[in-house]
Protein backbone atom coordinates (compact mmCIF):
# COMPACT_ATOMS: atom_id res chain seq x y z
CA MET A 1 0.00 0.00 0.00
CA SER A 2 1.35 3.44 -0.93
CA GLU A 3 2.04 6.08 1.72
CA SER A 4 -0.76 8.28 0.38
CA ALA A 5 -3.24 5.38 0.45
CA ALA A 6 -2.14 4.39 3.96
CA ALA A 7 -2.98 7.88 5.18
CA HIS A 8 -6.65 7.47 4.20
CA VAL A 9 -7.57 4.03 5.57
CA LYS A 10 -10.70 3.89 7.74
CA THR A 11 -9.48 3.09 11.25
CA ARG A 12 -11.35 2.26 14.44
CA ILE A 13 -9.77 3.62 17.63
CA LEU A 14 -10.68 2.73 21.22
CA ILE A 15 -9.76 5.41 23.78
CA ILE A 16 -9.26 4.43 27.43
CA SER A 17 -7.90 6.36 30.40
CA ASP A 18 -7.66 6.42 34.18
CA THR A 19 -8.33 2.75 34.84
CA HIS A 20 -6.38 2.97 38.13
CA GLY A 21 -5.43 -0.66 38.54
CA LEU A 22 -8.50 -2.35 37.07
CA ASP A 23 -7.56 -5.83 35.91
CA SER A 24 -10.37 -6.50 33.44
CA PRO A 25 -12.30 -4.26 31.04
CA PRO A 26 -16.10 -4.03 30.74
CA ASP A 27 -17.59 -6.67 28.45
CA PHE A 28 -18.21 -4.26 25.58
CA VAL A 29 -14.54 -3.21 25.59
CA SER A 30 -13.29 -6.78 25.30
CA ARG A 31 -15.99 -7.67 22.78
CA GLU A 32 -15.79 -4.78 20.30
CA TYR A 33 -12.87 -4.83 17.87
CA ALA A 34 -10.63 -1.80 17.35
CA ASP A 35 -7.66 -1.40 15.02
CA VAL A 36 -5.76 0.33 17.81
CA ALA A 37 -6.48 1.01 21.49
CA ILE A 38 -5.09 4.11 23.19
CA HIS A 39 -4.68 4.31 26.97
CA CYS A 40 -4.10 7.88 28.13
CA GLY A 41 -2.49 7.19 31.48
CA ASP A 42 -3.19 6.68 35.18
CA LEU A 43 -2.85 2.96 34.82
CA THR A 44 -2.58 2.82 38.62
CA THR A 45 -3.69 4.63 41.75
CA GLU A 46 -0.52 4.30 43.86
CA SER A 47 1.97 3.17 41.19
CA LYS A 48 2.43 -0.20 42.87
CA ILE A 49 3.90 -3.01 40.79
CA ASP A 50 0.84 -5.23 41.32
CA GLU A 51 -1.32 -2.44 39.86
CA PHE A 52 0.81 -2.36 36.73
CA LYS A 53 0.46 -6.13 36.40
CA ALA A 54 -3.32 -5.74 36.73
CA SER A 55 -3.27 -3.05 34.05
CA ILE A 56 -1.45 -5.37 31.69
CA ARG A 57 -4.11 -8.03 32.27
CA PHE A 58 -6.72 -5.37 31.46
CA LEU A 59 -4.95 -4.43 28.23
CA ARG A 60 -4.49 -8.05 27.16
CA ALA A 61 -8.28 -8.43 27.26
CA VAL A 62 -8.87 -5.42 25.00
CA ASN A 63 -9.81 -6.58 21.50
CA ALA A 64 -7.19 -4.70 19.49
CA PRO A 65 -3.96 -5.92 17.88
CA LEU A 66 -2.08 -2.80 19.01
CA LYS A 67 -2.43 -1.01 22.34
CA LEU A 68 -0.60 2.29 22.88
CA VAL A 69 -0.02 3.35 26.48
CA ILE A 70 1.31 6.44 28.25
CA ALA A 71 1.77 7.12 31.94
CA GLY A 72 -0.27 9.53 34.03
CA ASN A 73 0.56 11.49 37.15
CA HIS A 74 -0.45 8.55 39.39
CA ASP A 75 2.09 6.30 37.64
CA PHE A 76 4.99 8.10 39.33
CA THR A 77 7.36 5.11 39.51
CA MET A 78 7.67 5.34 35.72
CA ASP A 79 9.05 8.87 36.21
CA ILE A 80 12.39 7.57 37.49
CA PRO A 81 13.76 10.86 38.95
CA VAL A 82 10.51 11.35 40.88
CA PHE A 83 10.57 7.73 42.10
CA GLN A 84 14.18 8.11 43.26
CA LYS A 85 13.34 11.37 45.02
CA LYS A 86 10.41 9.82 46.87
CA VAL A 87 12.56 6.91 48.05
CA ALA A 88 15.31 9.28 49.21
CA GLU A 89 12.84 11.47 51.10
CA ALA A 90 11.34 8.44 52.85
CA GLN A 91 14.66 7.28 54.34
CA PRO A 92 15.31 5.31 56.43
CA LEU A 93 13.42 2.76 54.39
CA ASP A 94 13.88 -0.96 53.85
CA PRO A 95 14.93 -1.38 50.16
CA GLU A 96 13.35 -4.84 50.04
CA LEU A 97 10.04 -3.34 51.13
CA VAL A 98 10.22 -0.75 48.36
CA GLN A 99 10.92 -3.44 45.76
CA LYS A 100 8.12 -5.64 47.08
CA PHE A 101 5.45 -2.98 46.62
CA TYR A 102 6.86 -0.68 43.92
CA GLY A 103 9.44 -2.78 42.12
CA ARG A 104 12.90 -1.80 40.94
CA TYR A 105 13.35 1.60 39.30
CA GLU A 106 12.78 0.28 35.77
CA GLU A 107 10.60 -2.70 36.60
CA ALA A 108 7.22 -1.21 35.62
CA ARG A 109 8.59 -0.16 32.24
CA ASP A 110 10.18 -3.57 31.77
CA LEU A 111 6.81 -5.27 32.30
CA PHE A 112 5.34 -3.43 29.31
CA GLY A 113 8.46 -4.07 27.23
CA LYS A 114 7.85 -7.82 27.50
CA GLU A 115 4.28 -7.63 26.19
CA THR A 116 3.39 -8.36 22.56
CA GLY A 117 0.94 -5.85 21.15
CA ILE A 118 1.27 -3.38 24.05
CA THR A 119 3.60 -0.43 23.45
CA PHE A 120 4.51 2.02 26.20
CA LEU A 121 5.27 5.46 24.77
CA ASP A 122 7.56 8.11 26.16
CA GLU A 123 7.03 11.72 25.17
CA GLY A 124 7.54 12.37 21.47
CA ILE A 125 6.32 11.45 18.00
CA HIS A 126 5.82 7.79 17.10
CA ALA A 127 4.79 6.11 13.82
CA PHE A 128 2.90 2.82 13.49
CA ARG A 129 1.78 0.68 10.58
CA LEU A 130 -1.52 -0.84 11.64
CA GLY A 131 -2.86 -4.25 10.67
CA ASN A 132 -5.35 -2.64 8.29
CA GLY A 133 -2.51 -0.99 6.40
CA ALA A 134 -3.01 2.48 7.86
CA LEU A 135 -0.01 4.60 8.79
CA LEU A 136 -0.66 6.27 12.16
CA ASN A 137 1.51 9.11 13.46
CA VAL A 138 1.04 9.85 17.16
CA TYR A 139 2.34 12.55 19.48
CA ALA A 140 2.40 11.29 23.08
CA SER A 141 3.00 13.14 26.34
CA PRO A 142 2.25 12.13 29.94
CA TYR A 143 2.93 15.60 31.38
CA THR A 144 0.29 17.62 33.26
CA PRO A 145 0.36 20.81 35.36
CA SER A 146 1.38 20.19 38.98
CA CYS A 147 -1.38 19.02 41.29
CA GLY A 148 -0.03 17.23 44.33
CA ASP A 149 3.17 15.25 44.69
CA TRP A 150 2.93 13.01 41.63
CA GLY A 151 4.91 12.11 38.52
CA PHE A 152 5.25 13.66 35.07
CA GLN A 153 4.26 17.14 36.24
CA TYR A 154 5.40 20.69 35.60
CA ARG A 155 4.69 24.01 37.23
CA ARG A 156 2.04 26.06 35.46
CA ASP A 157 4.18 29.19 35.66
CA HIS A 158 7.06 27.33 33.99
CA GLY A 159 4.92 25.59 31.38
CA HIS A 160 5.99 22.68 29.20
CA ASP A 161 7.28 22.41 25.64
CA PHE A 162 4.79 20.24 23.74
CA ARG A 163 6.48 19.57 20.35
CA ILE A 164 3.51 18.16 18.50
CA GLY A 165 4.60 18.36 14.85
CA ASN A 166 2.71 16.76 11.97
CA VAL A 167 0.66 13.91 13.46
CA ASP A 168 -2.73 12.25 13.11
CA VAL A 169 -3.41 11.78 16.81
CA VAL A 170 -2.34 13.66 19.93
CA MET A 171 -2.31 11.45 23.01
CA THR A 172 -1.83 13.20 26.36
CA HIS A 173 -2.77 12.41 29.93
CA GLY A 174 -4.38 15.76 30.61
CA PRO A 175 -6.72 17.98 28.59
CA PRO A 176 -6.01 21.30 26.92
CA LYS A 177 -7.55 24.25 28.67
CA GLY A 178 -11.20 24.72 27.84
CA ILE A 179 -11.97 21.29 26.41
CA LEU A 180 -13.45 18.59 28.68
CA ASP A 181 -11.47 19.98 31.60
CA ARG A 182 -14.07 21.30 34.05
CA THR A 183 -13.75 19.90 37.58
CA LEU A 184 -16.54 19.28 40.09
CA SER A 185 -15.74 22.67 41.63
CA GLY A 186 -16.35 24.31 38.25
CA GLN A 187 -12.72 25.18 37.60
CA ARG A 188 -10.95 24.67 34.29
CA ALA A 189 -8.02 22.32 34.97
CA GLY A 190 -6.67 21.96 31.43
CA CYS A 191 -3.31 23.19 30.17
CA GLN A 192 -3.08 26.46 28.26
CA ARG A 193 0.34 25.52 26.82
CA LEU A 194 -1.09 22.30 25.39
CA PHE A 195 -3.96 24.20 23.79
CA GLU A 196 -1.50 26.65 22.23
CA ALA A 197 0.78 23.87 20.97
CA ILE A 198 -2.09 22.26 19.06
CA ALA A 199 -3.15 25.66 17.73
CA ARG A 200 0.38 26.20 16.37
CA ALA A 201 0.61 22.82 14.64
CA LYS A 202 0.87 23.33 10.87
CA SER A 203 -1.18 20.22 10.23
CA ARG A 204 -3.86 19.99 12.91
CA PRO A 205 -4.32 16.49 14.36
CA LEU A 206 -7.46 14.57 13.49
CA MET A 207 -8.00 13.54 17.10
CA HIS A 208 -6.83 14.52 20.59
CA CYS A 209 -7.16 11.78 23.22
CA PHE A 210 -6.79 12.48 26.94
CA GLY A 211 -8.18 11.73 30.41
CA HIS A 212 -7.13 12.94 33.89
CA ILE A 213 -10.28 14.91 34.83
CA HIS A 214 -12.63 12.03 35.64
CA GLU A 215 -15.78 14.11 35.94
CA ALA A 216 -15.22 15.64 32.49
CA TRP A 217 -15.15 12.28 30.71
CA GLY A 218 -16.69 11.87 27.29
CA GLY A 219 -16.05 13.01 23.76
CA GLN A 220 -16.50 16.23 21.87
CA ALA A 221 -16.61 16.73 18.13
CA CYS A 222 -15.15 20.11 17.30
CA PRO A 223 -13.44 21.09 14.04
CA MET A 224 -9.83 21.58 15.10
CA ALA A 225 -9.28 24.37 12.61
CA ARG A 226 -12.11 26.42 14.13
CA ARG A 227 -11.75 25.60 17.84
CA TYR A 228 -8.00 26.13 17.84
CA GLN A 229 -8.04 28.90 15.23
CA SER A 230 -6.22 31.63 17.12
CA GLY A 231 -4.85 29.81 20.13
CA ALA A 232 -6.81 32.29 22.28
CA LEU A 233 -9.49 31.22 24.73
CA SER A 234 -12.72 32.82 25.82
CA LEU A 235 -14.16 30.68 28.61
CA ASP A 236 -17.15 30.99 30.87
């Protein structure tokens, strides 16, 4: 199949996020076929190694030949510097106890590396040839604005450099500001820098997948070119 043809293949995508250690998906998730499944992070609640193992069992049961996974803020042991810092701050601490509950520093990542059909993505652009012949370009990032002592976070006043580029799908843990980001208290918790990065992209992505704000779950169809036209927000 030519590159131009591969860019226009009808593709079914399943979007999952914030499963927090669930070890099996709902029946409809395991029953319905998707060409690719995307998990937008928070695989765990406390980043314990048993939670990651449960998440892998969950993903194995998803009916898709390719599952793409990023971390979320709760998956802090995958953010190695943060994990090391937490261990250092908790001293004195029995190293065997840490390994029993949280694993070695790279153990959670190694678990995903051993799985066929499950790909853990670090921040950046990744390309995949799907089973249906489609060529899928994905920008992935686990980073969210700081909210508690978790992993993959940045200070809002410092921001973060989201280098999205020319991709079909943007896959982040958190939302952009103003889109499916309203909390129970009514605040907008999304990231302004992420919104601006998508607005700047020369070729706007066809889809932006994210989670993080549980109460704002769902989907929203909005023409990217119009919603992100100026990169400026006017929110209620």
